[in-house]
PDB file of N, CA and C in Angstrom:
ATOM      1  N   MET A   1     144.717 121.857  11.033  1.00  0.00           N
ATOM      2  CA  MET A   1     145.857 121.570  11.846  1.00  0.00           C
ATOM      3  C   MET A   1     146.967 122.576  11.644  1.00  0.00           C
ATOM      4  N   SER A   2     147.081 123.097  10.433  1.00  0.00           N
ATOM      5  CA  SER A   2     148.109 124.094  10.149  1.00  0.00           C
ATOM      6  C   SER A   2     147.859 125.427  10.880  1.00  0.00           C
ATOM      7  N   LEU A   3     146.629 125.653  11.280  1.00  0.00           N
ATOM      8  CA  LEU A   3     146.282 126.833  12.029  1.00  0.00           C
ATOM      9  C   LEU A   3     146.966 126.861  13.370  1.00  0.00           C
ATOM     10  N   PHE A   4     147.007 125.751  14.098  1.00  0.00           N
ATOM     11  CA  PHE A   4     147.677 125.657  15.393  1.00  0.00           C
ATOM     12  C   PHE A   4     149.200 125.735  15.303  1.00  0.00           C
ATOM     13  N   THR A   5     149.779 125.131  14.289  1.00  0.00           N
ATOM     14  CA  THR A   5     151.234 125.144  14.120  1.00  0.00           C
ATOM     15  C   THR A   5     151.744 126.538  13.870  1.00  0.00           C
ATOM     16  N   ASN A   6     151.029 127.333  13.172  1.00  0.00           N
ATOM     17  CA  ASN A   6     151.426 128.718  12.888  1.00  0.00           C
ATOM     18  C   ASN A   6     151.495 129.505  14.199  1.00  0.00           C
ATOM     19  N   ASP A   7     150.503 129.320  15.111  1.00  0.00           N
ATOM     20  CA  ASP A   7     150.491 130.002  16.359  1.00  0.00           C
ATOM     21  C   ASP A   7     151.689 129.596  17.261  1.00  0.00           C
ATOM     22  N   VAL A   8     151.990 128.291  17.244  1.00  0.00           N
ATOM     23  CA  VAL A   8     153.103 127.780  18.019  1.00  0.00           C
ATOM     24  C   VAL A   8     154.422 128.333  17.497  1.00  0.00           C
ATOM     25  N   MET A   9     154.602 128.354  16.189  1.00  0.00           N
ATOM     26  CA  MET A   9     155.838 128.858  15.572  1.00  0.00           C
ATOM     27  C   MET A   9     156.008 130.332  15.897  1.00  0.00           C
ATOM     28  N   ALA A  10     154.923 131.097  15.911  1.00  0.00           N
ATOM     29  CA  ALA A  10     155.015 132.526  16.210  1.00  0.00           C
ATOM     30  C   ALA A  10     155.404 132.756  17.655  1.00  0.00           C
ATOM     31  N   ALA A  11     154.867 131.956  18.568  1.00  0.00           N
ATOM     32  CA  ALA A  11     155.179 132.101  19.977  1.00  0.00           C
ATOM     33  C   ALA A  11     156.616 131.773  20.304  1.00  0.00           C
ATOM     34  N   THR A  12     157.165 130.749  19.675  1.00  0.00           N
ATOM     35  CA  THR A  12     158.578 130.363  19.950  1.00  0.00           C
ATOM     36  C   THR A  12     159.535 131.335  19.276  1.00  0.00           C
ATOM     37  N   ALA A  13     159.157 131.947  18.214  1.00  0.00           N
ATOM     38  CA  ALA A  13     160.053 132.894  17.540  1.00  0.00           C
ATOM     39  C   ALA A  13     160.188 134.174  18.383  1.00  0.00           C
ATOM     40  N   GLY A  14     159.132 134.611  19.041  1.00  0.00           N
ATOM     41  CA  GLY A  14     159.187 135.805  19.874  1.00  0.00           C
ATOM     42  C   GLY A  14     159.947 135.572  21.151  1.00  0.00           C
ATOM     43  N   ALA A  15     160.012 134.401  21.709  1.00  0.00           N
ATOM     44  CA  ALA A  15     160.658 134.127  22.979  1.00  0.00           C
ATOM     45  C   ALA A  15     162.181 134.080  22.884  1.00  0.00           C
ATOM     46  N   GLY A  16     162.737 133.761  21.729  1.00  0.00           N
ATOM     47  CA  GLY A  16     164.158 133.663  21.601  1.00  0.00           C
ATOM     48  C   GLY A  16     164.854 134.871  21.090  1.00  0.00           C
ATOM     49  N   GLY A  17     164.348 136.042  21.338  1.00  0.00           N
ATOM     50  CA  GLY A  17     164.907 137.304  20.807  1.00  0.00           C
ATOM     51  C   GLY A  17     166.159 137.777  21.498  1.00  0.00           C
ATOM     52  N   GLN A  18     166.422 137.339  22.730  1.00  0.00           N
ATOM     53  CA  GLN A  18     167.632 137.773  23.479  1.00  0.00           C
ATOM     54  C   GLN A  18     168.846 136.951  23.064  1.00  0.00           C
ATOM     55  N   SER A  19     169.971 137.621  22.986  1.00  0.00           N
ATOM     56  CA  SER A  19     171.193 136.886  22.664  1.00  0.00           C
ATOM     57  C   SER A  19     171.782 136.289  23.938  1.00  0.00           C
ATOM     58  N   PRO A  20     172.446 135.186  23.860  1.00  0.00           N
ATOM     59  CA  PRO A  20     173.038 134.574  25.028  1.00  0.00           C
ATOM     60  C   PRO A  20     174.102 135.429  25.714  1.00  0.00           C
ATOM     61  N   MET A  21     174.722 136.316  24.942  1.00  0.00           N
ATOM     62  CA  MET A  21     175.762 137.173  25.467  1.00  0.00           C
ATOM     63  C   MET A  21     175.158 138.190  26.472  1.00  0.00           C
ATOM     64  N   SER A  22     173.989 138.710  26.154  1.00  0.00           N
ATOM     65  CA  SER A  22     173.369 139.675  27.080  1.00  0.00           C
ATOM     66  C   SER A  22     172.952 138.964  28.370  1.00  0.00           C
ATOM     67  N   SER A  23     172.568 137.720  28.290  1.00  0.00           N
ATOM     68  CA  SER A  23     172.197 136.986  29.547  1.00  0.00           C
ATOM     69  C   SER A  23     173.444 136.807  30.408  1.00  0.00           C
ATOM     70  N   ILE A  24     174.548 136.469  29.828  1.00  0.00           N
ATOM     71  CA  ILE A  24     175.794 136.310  30.589  1.00  0.00           C
ATOM     72  C   ILE A  24     176.215 137.661  31.208  1.00  0.00           C
ATOM     73  N   PHE A  25     176.063 138.692  30.403  1.00  0.00           N
ATOM     74  CA  PHE A  25     176.415 140.050  30.918  1.00  0.00           C
ATOM     75  C   PHE A  25     175.577 140.429  32.111  1.00  0.00           C
ATOM     76  N   MET A  26     174.289 140.114  32.082  1.00  0.00           N
ATOM     77  CA  MET A  26     173.393 140.412  33.190  1.00  0.00           C
ATOM     78  C   MET A  26     173.800 139.586  34.444  1.00  0.00           C
ATOM     79  N   LEU A  27     174.151 138.320  34.263  1.00  0.00           N
ATOM     80  CA  LEU A  27     174.619 137.506  35.374  1.00  0.00           C
ATOM     81  C   LEU A  27     175.887 138.078  36.050  1.00  0.00           C
ATOM     82  N   VAL A  28     176.782 138.543  35.208  1.00  0.00           N
ATOM     83  CA  VAL A  28     178.040 139.161  35.753  1.00  0.00           C
ATOM     84  C   VAL A  28     177.710 140.421  36.504  1.00  0.00           C
ATOM     85  N   ILE A  29     176.823 141.223  36.001  1.00  0.00           N
ATOM     86  CA  ILE A  29     176.424 142.472  36.654  1.00  0.00           C
ATOM     87  C   ILE A  29     175.789 142.125  38.013  1.00  0.00           C
ATOM     88  N   PHE A  30     174.873 141.174  38.063  1.00  0.00           N
ATOM     89  CA  PHE A  30     174.259 140.809  39.338  1.00  0.00           C
ATOM     90  C   PHE A  30     175.258 140.213  40.308  1.00  0.00           C
ATOM     91  N   GLY A  31     176.215 139.473  39.813  1.00  0.00           N
ATOM     92  CA  GLY A  31     177.268 138.946  40.645  1.00  0.00           C
ATOM     93  C   GLY A  31     178.135 140.036  41.301  1.00  0.00           C
ATOM     94  N   LEU A  32     178.467 141.047  40.505  1.00  0.00           N
ATOM     95  CA  LEU A  32     179.252 142.115  41.052  1.00  0.00           C
ATOM     96  C   LEU A  32     178.457 142.942  42.081  1.00  0.00           C
ATOM     97  N   ILE A  33     177.203 143.182  41.794  1.00  0.00           N
ATOM     98  CA  ILE A  33     176.355 143.886  42.786  1.00  0.00           C
ATOM     99  C   ILE A  33     176.253 143.095  44.069  1.00  0.00           C
ATOM    100  N   PHE A  34     176.036 141.766  43.955  1.00  0.00           N
ATOM    101  CA  PHE A  34     175.991 140.905  45.127  1.00  0.00           C
ATOM    102  C   PHE A  34     177.284 140.974  45.924  1.00  0.00           C
ATOM    103  N   TYR A  35     178.406 140.939  45.229  1.00  0.00           N
ATOM    104  CA  TYR A  35     179.693 141.011  45.937  1.00  0.00           C
ATOM    105  C   TYR A  35     179.885 142.303  46.627  1.00  0.00           C
ATOM    106  N   PHE A  36     179.650 143.430  45.999  1.00  0.00           N
ATOM    107  CA  PHE A  36     179.945 144.738  46.606  1.00  0.00           C
ATOM    108  C   PHE A  36     178.891 145.142  47.671  1.00  0.00           C
ATOM    109  N   MET A  37     177.669 144.587  47.590  1.00  0.00           N
ATOM    110  CA  MET A  37     176.647 144.952  48.563  1.00  0.00           C
ATOM    111  C   MET A  37     176.603 143.968  49.798  1.00  0.00           C
ATOM    112  N   LEU A  38     177.010 142.755  49.592  1.00  0.00           N
ATOM    113  CA  LEU A  38     176.861 141.763  50.681  1.00  0.00           C
ATOM    114  C   LEU A  38     178.152 141.135  51.163  1.00  0.00           C
ATOM    115  N   ILE A  39     178.927 140.569  50.269  1.00  0.00           N
ATOM    116  CA  ILE A  39     180.076 139.760  50.654  1.00  0.00           C
ATOM    117  C   ILE A  39     181.225 140.667  51.187  1.00  0.00           C
ATOM    118  N   ARG A  40     181.543 141.722  50.461  1.00  0.00           N
ATOM    119  CA  ARG A  40     182.697 142.574  50.848  1.00  0.00           C
ATOM    120  C   ARG A  40     182.495 143.247  52.178  1.00  0.00           C
ATOM    121  N   PRO A  41     181.340 143.881  52.455  1.00  0.00           N
ATOM    122  CA  PRO A  41     181.152 144.501  53.777  1.00  0.00           C
ATOM    123  C   PRO A  41     181.152 143.485  54.950  1.00  0.00           C
ATOM    124  N   GLN A  42     180.612 142.316  54.679  1.00  0.00           N
ATOM    125  CA  GLN A  42     180.584 141.286  55.753  1.00  0.00           C
ATOM    126  C   GLN A  42     182.035 140.804  56.070  1.00  0.00           C
ATOM    127  N   SER A  43     182.854 140.608  55.085  1.00  0.00           N
ATOM    128  CA  SER A  43     184.197 140.165  55.335  1.00  0.00           C
ATOM    129  C   SER A  43     185.026 141.292  55.964  1.00  0.00           C
ATOM    130  N   LYS A  44     184.705 142.528  55.657  1.00  0.00           N
ATOM    131  CA  LYS A  44     185.406 143.681  56.272  1.00  0.00           C
ATOM    132  C   LYS A  44     185.073 143.760  57.763  1.00  0.00           C
ATOM    133  N   ARG A  45     183.769 143.592  58.124  1.00  0.00           N
ATOM    134  CA  ARG A  45     183.406 143.591  59.509  1.00  0.00           C
ATOM    135  C   ARG A  45     184.034 142.437  60.285  1.00  0.00           C
ATOM    136  N   ALA A  46     184.059 141.278  59.669  1.00  0.00           N
ATOM    137  CA  ALA A  46     184.660 140.121  60.315  1.00  0.00           C
ATOM    138  C   ALA A  46     186.172 140.354  60.589  1.00  0.00           C
ATOM    139  N   LYS A  47     186.839 140.970  59.619  1.00  0.00           N
ATOM    140  CA  LYS A  47     188.258 141.250  59.797  1.00  0.00           C
ATOM    141  C   LYS A  47     188.463 142.287  60.921  1.00  0.00           C
ATOM    142  N   GLU A  48     187.658 143.335  60.979  1.00  0.00           N
ATOM    143  CA  GLU A  48     187.755 144.296  62.064  1.00  0.00           C
ATOM    144  C   GLU A  48     187.496 143.679  63.434  1.00  0.00           C
ATOM    145  N   HIS A  49     186.507 142.809  63.489  1.00  0.00           N
ATOM    146  CA  HIS A  49     186.195 142.195  64.776  1.00  0.00           C
ATOM    147  C   HIS A  49     187.295 141.259  65.235  1.00  0.00           C
ATOM    148  N   LYS A  50     187.915 140.539  64.298  1.00  0.00           N
ATOM    149  CA  LYS A  50     189.035 139.630  64.595  1.00  0.00           C
ATOM    150  C   LYS A  50     190.192 140.464  65.163  1.00  0.00           C
ATOM    151  N   GLY A  51     190.526 141.584  64.552  1.00  0.00           N
ATOM    152  CA  GLY A  51     191.573 142.483  65.012  1.00  0.00           C
ATOM    153  C   GLY A  51     191.306 143.019  66.403  1.00  0.00           C
ATOM    154  N   MET A  52     190.001 143.390  66.669  1.00  0.00           N
ATOM    155  CA  MET A  52     189.624 143.915  68.025  1.00  0.00           C
ATOM    156  C   MET A  52     189.786 142.833  69.047  1.00  0.00           C
ATOM    157  N   VAL A  53     189.370 141.595  68.721  1.00  0.00           N
ATOM    158  CA  VAL A  53     189.464 140.515  69.687  1.00  0.00           C
ATOM    159  C   VAL A  53     190.898 140.167  69.987  1.00  0.00           C
ATOM    160  N   GLU A  54     191.780 140.226  68.990  1.00  0.00           N
ATOM    161  CA  GLU A  54     193.158 139.900  69.212  1.00  0.00           C
ATOM    162  C   GLU A  54     193.899 140.983  70.030  1.00  0.00           C
ATOM    163  N   ALA A  55     193.341 142.208  69.987  1.00  0.00           N
ATOM    164  CA  ALA A  55     194.010 143.320  70.685  1.00  0.00           C
ATOM    165  C   ALA A  55     193.500 143.522  72.150  1.00  0.00           C
ATOM    166  N   LEU A  56     192.656 142.641  72.604  1.00  0.00           N
ATOM    167  CA  LEU A  56     192.112 142.767  73.951  1.00  0.00           C
ATOM    168  C   LEU A  56     193.254 142.613  74.998  1.00  0.00           C
ATOM    169  N   GLN A  57     193.234 143.475  75.988  1.00  0.00           N
ATOM    170  CA  GLN A  57     194.295 143.459  77.021  1.00  0.00           C
ATOM    171  C   GLN A  57     193.621 143.583  78.385  1.00  0.00           C
ATOM    172  N   LYS A  58     194.417 143.262  79.402  1.00  0.00           N
ATOM    173  CA  LYS A  58     193.921 143.412  80.779  1.00  0.00           C
ATOM    174  C   LYS A  58     193.660 144.894  81.061  1.00  0.00           C
ATOM    175  N   GLY A  59     192.517 145.151  81.655  1.00  0.00           N
ATOM    176  CA  GLY A  59     192.126 146.578  81.977  1.00  0.00           C
ATOM    177  C   GLY A  59     191.165 147.185  80.974  1.00  0.00           C
ATOM    178  N   ASP A  60     190.957 146.547  79.842  1.00  0.00           N
ATOM    179  CA  ASP A  60     189.997 147.090  78.819  1.00  0.00           C
ATOM    180  C   ASP A  60     188.605 146.869  79.315  1.00  0.00           C
ATOM    181  N   GLU A  61     187.709 147.813  78.987  1.00  0.00           N
ATOM    182  CA  GLU A  61     186.302 147.708  79.285  1.00  0.00           C
ATOM    183  C   GLU A  61     185.590 147.276  78.014  1.00  0.00           C
ATOM    184  N   VAL A  62     184.781 146.230  78.157  1.00  0.00           N
ATOM    185  CA  VAL A  62     184.136 145.625  76.930  1.00  0.00           C
ATOM    186  C   VAL A  62     182.669 145.353  77.194  1.00  0.00           C
ATOM    187  N   VAL A  63     181.927 145.134  76.086  1.00  0.00           N
ATOM    188  CA  VAL A  63     180.569 144.709  76.093  1.00  0.00           C
ATOM    189  C   VAL A  63     180.504 143.370  75.345  1.00  0.00           C
ATOM    190  N   THR A  64     179.821 142.354  75.912  1.00  0.00           N
ATOM    191  CA  THR A  64     179.727 141.022  75.287  1.00  0.00           C
ATOM    192  C   THR A  64     178.475 141.086  74.358  1.00  0.00           C
ATOM    193  N   ASN A  65     178.347 139.985  73.594  1.00  0.00           N
ATOM    194  CA  ASN A  65     177.204 139.844  72.687  1.00  0.00           C
ATOM    195  C   ASN A  65     175.905 139.764  73.513  1.00  0.00           C
ATOM    196  N   GLY A  66     175.962 139.302  74.700  1.00  0.00           N
ATOM    197  CA  GLY A  66     174.770 139.225  75.588  1.00  0.00           C
ATOM    198  C   GLY A  66     174.395 140.520  76.305  1.00  0.00           C
ATOM    199  N   GLY A  67     175.292 141.560  76.145  1.00  0.00           N
ATOM    200  CA  GLY A  67     175.014 142.839  76.764  1.00  0.00           C
ATOM    201  C   GLY A  67     175.662 143.039  78.095  1.00  0.00           C
ATOM    202  N   VAL A  68     176.513 142.131  78.501  1.00  0.00           N
ATOM    203  CA  VAL A  68     177.195 142.247  79.770  1.00  0.00           C
ATOM    204  C   VAL A  68     178.394 143.228  79.628  1.00  0.00           C
ATOM    205  N   VAL A  69     178.462 144.217  80.535  1.00  0.00           N
ATOM    206  CA  VAL A  69     179.545 145.180  80.508  1.00  0.00           C
ATOM    207  C   VAL A  69     180.491 144.827  81.629  1.00  0.00           C
ATOM    208  N   GLY A  70     181.771 144.777  81.374  1.00  0.00           N
ATOM    209  CA  GLY A  70     182.749 144.483  82.368  1.00  0.00           C
ATOM    210  C   GLY A  70     184.168 144.877  82.002  1.00  0.00           C
ATOM    211  N   LYS A  71     185.024 144.732  82.973  1.00  0.00           N
ATOM    212  CA  LYS A  71     186.455 145.090  82.834  1.00  0.00           C
ATOM    213  C   LYS A  71     187.247 143.795  82.805  1.00  0.00           C
ATOM    214  N   ILE A  72     188.148 143.684  81.875  1.00  0.00           N
ATOM    215  CA  ILE A  72     188.981 142.482  81.687  1.00  0.00           C
ATOM    216  C   ILE A  72     190.038 142.438  82.791  1.00  0.00           C
ATOM    217  N   THR A  73     190.065 141.296  83.534  1.00  0.00           N
ATOM    218  CA  THR A  73     191.044 141.115  84.575  1.00  0.00           C
ATOM    219  C   THR A  73     192.048 140.069  84.239  1.00  0.00           C
ATOM    220  N   LYS A  74     191.707 139.167  83.291  1.00  0.00           N
ATOM    221  CA  LYS A  74     192.643 138.093  82.917  1.00  0.00           C
ATOM    222  C   LYS A  74     192.329 137.743  81.445  1.00  0.00           C
ATOM    223  N   VAL A  75     193.407 137.608  80.660  1.00  0.00           N
ATOM    224  CA  VAL A  75     193.284 137.282  79.245  1.00  0.00           C
ATOM    225  C   VAL A  75     193.973 135.967  78.983  1.00  0.00           C
ATOM    226  N   GLY A  76     193.189 134.978  78.464  1.00  0.00           N
ATOM    227  CA  GLY A  76     193.708 133.709  78.074  1.00  0.00           C
ATOM    228  C   GLY A  76     193.733 133.568  76.550  1.00  0.00           C
ATOM    229  N   GLU A  77     194.066 132.391  76.123  1.00  0.00           N
ATOM    230  CA  GLU A  77     194.089 132.152  74.681  1.00  0.00           C
ATOM    231  C   GLU A  77     192.720 132.135  74.069  1.00  0.00           C
ATOM    232  N   ASN A  78     191.768 131.473  74.734  1.00  0.00           N
ATOM    233  CA  ASN A  78     190.397 131.380  74.222  1.00  0.00           C
ATOM    234  C   ASN A  78     189.387 132.080  75.063  1.00  0.00           C
ATOM    235  N   PHE A  79     189.674 132.351  76.338  1.00  0.00           N
ATOM    236  CA  PHE A  79     188.749 132.935  77.289  1.00  0.00           C
ATOM    237  C   PHE A  79     189.301 134.205  77.905  1.00  0.00           C
ATOM    238  N   ILE A  80     188.440 135.084  78.336  1.00  0.00           N
ATOM    239  CA  ILE A  80     188.832 136.234  79.141  1.00  0.00           C
ATOM    240  C   ILE A  80     188.012 136.218  80.428  1.00  0.00           C
ATOM    241  N   THR A  81     188.528 136.797  81.485  1.00  0.00           N
ATOM    242  CA  THR A  81     187.776 136.916  82.705  1.00  0.00           C
ATOM    243  C   THR A  81     187.380 138.390  82.898  1.00  0.00           C
ATOM    244  N   LEU A  82     186.015 138.581  83.067  1.00  0.00           N
ATOM    245  CA  LEU A  82     185.487 139.920  83.227  1.00  0.00           C
ATOM    246  C   LEU A  82     185.066 140.134  84.655  1.00  0.00           C
ATOM    247  N   THR A  83     185.351 141.317  85.190  1.00  0.00           N
ATOM    248  CA  THR A  83     184.828 141.727  86.463  1.00  0.00           C
ATOM    249  C   THR A  83     183.608 142.590  86.151  1.00  0.00           C
ATOM    250  N   ILE A  84     182.411 142.121  86.559  1.00  0.00           N
ATOM    251  CA  ILE A  84     181.201 142.848  86.262  1.00  0.00           C
ATOM    252  C   ILE A  84     180.726 143.630  87.472  1.00  0.00           C
ATOM    253  N   SER A  85     181.204 143.275  88.663  1.00  0.00           N
ATOM    254  CA  SER A  85     180.853 143.948  89.868  1.00  0.00           C
ATOM    255  C   SER A  85     181.934 143.624  90.890  1.00  0.00           C
ATOM    256  N   GLU A  86     181.924 144.220  92.089  1.00  0.00           N
ATOM    257  CA  GLU A  86     182.905 143.824  93.067  1.00  0.00           C
ATOM    258  C   GLU A  86     182.777 142.376  93.474  1.00  0.00           C
ATOM    259  N   ASN A  87     183.876 141.669  93.381  1.00  0.00           N
ATOM    260  CA  ASN A  87     183.924 140.205  93.740  1.00  0.00           C
ATOM    261  C   ASN A  87     183.042 139.348  92.838  1.00  0.00           C
ATOM    262  N   VAL A  88     182.658 139.818  91.660  1.00  0.00           N
ATOM    263  CA  VAL A  88     181.918 139.033  90.705  1.00  0.00           C
ATOM    264  C   VAL A  88     182.681 138.979  89.411  1.00  0.00           C
ATOM    265  N   GLU A  89     183.179 137.789  89.087  1.00  0.00           N
ATOM    266  CA  GLU A  89     183.943 137.603  87.849  1.00  0.00           C
ATOM    267  C   GLU A  89     183.297 136.478  87.015  1.00  0.00           C
ATOM    268  N   ILE A  90     183.279 136.651  85.701  1.00  0.00           N
ATOM    269  CA  ILE A  90     182.748 135.598  84.821  1.00  0.00           C
ATOM    270  C   ILE A  90     183.805 135.360  83.732  1.00  0.00           C
ATOM    271  N   ASN A  91     183.804 134.128  83.264  1.00  0.00           N
ATOM    272  CA  ASN A  91     184.640 133.745  82.123  1.00  0.00           C
ATOM    273  C   ASN A  91     183.816 133.800  80.858  1.00  0.00           C
ATOM    274  N   VAL A  92     184.378 134.446  79.820  1.00  0.00           N
ATOM    275  CA  VAL A  92     183.678 134.624  78.548  1.00  0.00           C
ATOM    276  C   VAL A  92     184.646 134.254  77.438  1.00  0.00           C
ATOM    277  N   GLN A  93     184.138 133.664  76.371  1.00  0.00           N
ATOM    278  CA  GLN A  93     184.955 133.440  75.227  1.00  0.00           C
ATOM    279  C   GLN A  93     185.375 134.769  74.588  1.00  0.00           C
ATOM    280  N   ARG A  94     186.553 134.765  74.031  1.00  0.00           N
ATOM    281  CA  ARG A  94     187.054 136.051  73.457  1.00  0.00           C
ATOM    282  C   ARG A  94     186.167 136.551  72.315  1.00  0.00           C
ATOM    283  N   HIS A  95     185.654 135.623  71.529  1.00  0.00           N
ATOM    284  CA  HIS A  95     184.879 135.999  70.342  1.00  0.00           C
ATOM    285  C   HIS A  95     183.451 136.458  70.757  1.00  0.00           C
ATOM    286  N   ALA A  96     183.115 136.324  72.032  1.00  0.00           N
ATOM    287  CA  ALA A  96     181.805 136.798  72.513  1.00  0.00           C
ATOM    288  C   ALA A  96     181.823 138.266  72.797  1.00  0.00           C
ATOM    289  N   VAL A  97     182.986 138.907  72.698  1.00  0.00           N
ATOM    290  CA  VAL A  97     183.090 140.364  72.975  1.00  0.00           C
ATOM    291  C   VAL A  97     182.634 141.072  71.663  1.00  0.00           C
ATOM    292  N   SER A  98     181.665 141.954  71.800  1.00  0.00           N
ATOM    293  CA  SER A  98     181.129 142.657  70.644  1.00  0.00           C
ATOM    294  C   SER A  98     181.793 144.024  70.472  1.00  0.00           C
ATOM    295  N   ALA A  99     182.199 144.686  71.541  1.00  0.00           N
ATOM    296  CA  ALA A  99     182.797 146.002  71.394  1.00  0.00           C
ATOM    297  C   ALA A  99     183.675 146.348  72.554  1.00  0.00           C
ATOM    298  N   ALA A 100     184.721 147.092  72.282  1.00  0.00           N
ATOM    299  CA  ALA A 100     185.583 147.607  73.361  1.00  0.00           C
ATOM    300  C   ALA A 100     185.123 149.025  73.671  1.00  0.00           C
ATOM    301  N   LEU A 101     184.974 149.338  74.914  1.00  0.00           N
ATOM    302  CA  LEU A 101     184.509 150.670  75.336  1.00  0.00           C
ATOM    303  C   LEU A 101     185.629 151.585  75.734  1.00  0.00           C
ATOM    304  N   PRO A 102     185.418 152.902  75.637  1.00  0.00           N
ATOM    305  CA  PRO A 102     186.469 153.859  76.104  1.00  0.00           C
ATOM    306  C   PRO A 102     186.669 153.724  77.611  1.00  0.00           C
ATOM    307  N   LYS A 103     187.876 154.024  78.107  1.00  0.00           N
ATOM    308  CA  LYS A 103     188.200 153.965  79.497  1.00  0.00           C
ATOM    309  C   LYS A 103     187.243 154.891  80.313  1.00  0.00           C
ATOM    310  N   GLY A 104     186.786 154.364  81.457  1.00  0.00           N
ATOM    311  CA  GLY A 104     185.890 155.109  82.343  1.00  0.00           C
ATOM    312  C   GLY A 104     184.433 155.014  82.029  1.00  0.00           C
ATOM    313  N   THR A 105     184.069 154.198  81.053  1.00  0.00           N
ATOM    314  CA  THR A 105     182.639 154.075  80.691  1.00  0.00           C
ATOM    315  C   THR A 105     181.864 153.372  81.801  1.00  0.00           C
ATOM    316  N   ILE A 106     182.467 152.383  82.434  1.00  0.00           N
ATOM    317  CA  ILE A 106     181.776 151.611  83.473  1.00  0.00           C
ATOM    318  C   ILE A 106     181.434 152.519  84.679  1.00  0.00           C
ATOM    319  N   LYS A 107     182.351 153.412  85.047  1.00  0.00           N
ATOM    320  CA  LYS A 107     182.096 154.323  86.149  1.00  0.00           C
ATOM    321  C   LYS A 107     180.928 155.300  85.871  1.00  0.00           C
ATOM    322  N   SER A 108     180.767 155.692  84.586  1.00  0.00           N
ATOM    323  CA  SER A 108     179.742 156.609  84.272  1.00  0.00           C
ATOM    324  C   SER A 108     178.350 155.965  84.143  1.00  0.00           C
ATOM    325  N   ILE A 109     178.309 154.625  84.094  1.00  0.00           N
ATOM    326  CA  ILE A 109     177.039 153.914  84.012  1.00  0.00           C
ATOM    327  C   ILE A 109     176.463 153.831  85.341  1.00  0.00           C
TER     328      ILE A 109
END
């Protein structure tokens, strides 16, 4: 019976070689990598999109998340009206705008 207990004692002694401080240090390093690689860029993009949506004005040319290209004819608090063709207007939520285009882009398409 003492033969098996020696093997068990040797196995448990080898497993506990790391100090708890190094484990905490590794968790902190992984947390920092996670923050700088994922969280920070995502919040930066969200902030830029929010600023772009707030700066929308009548006459701007935009692309929606669905790929619709149009010119803003009316700006409301939550919705904008886009002219996508002559006599064709649609209402879109402000946050559905994915990008503002340079002036004259619609004519070149």
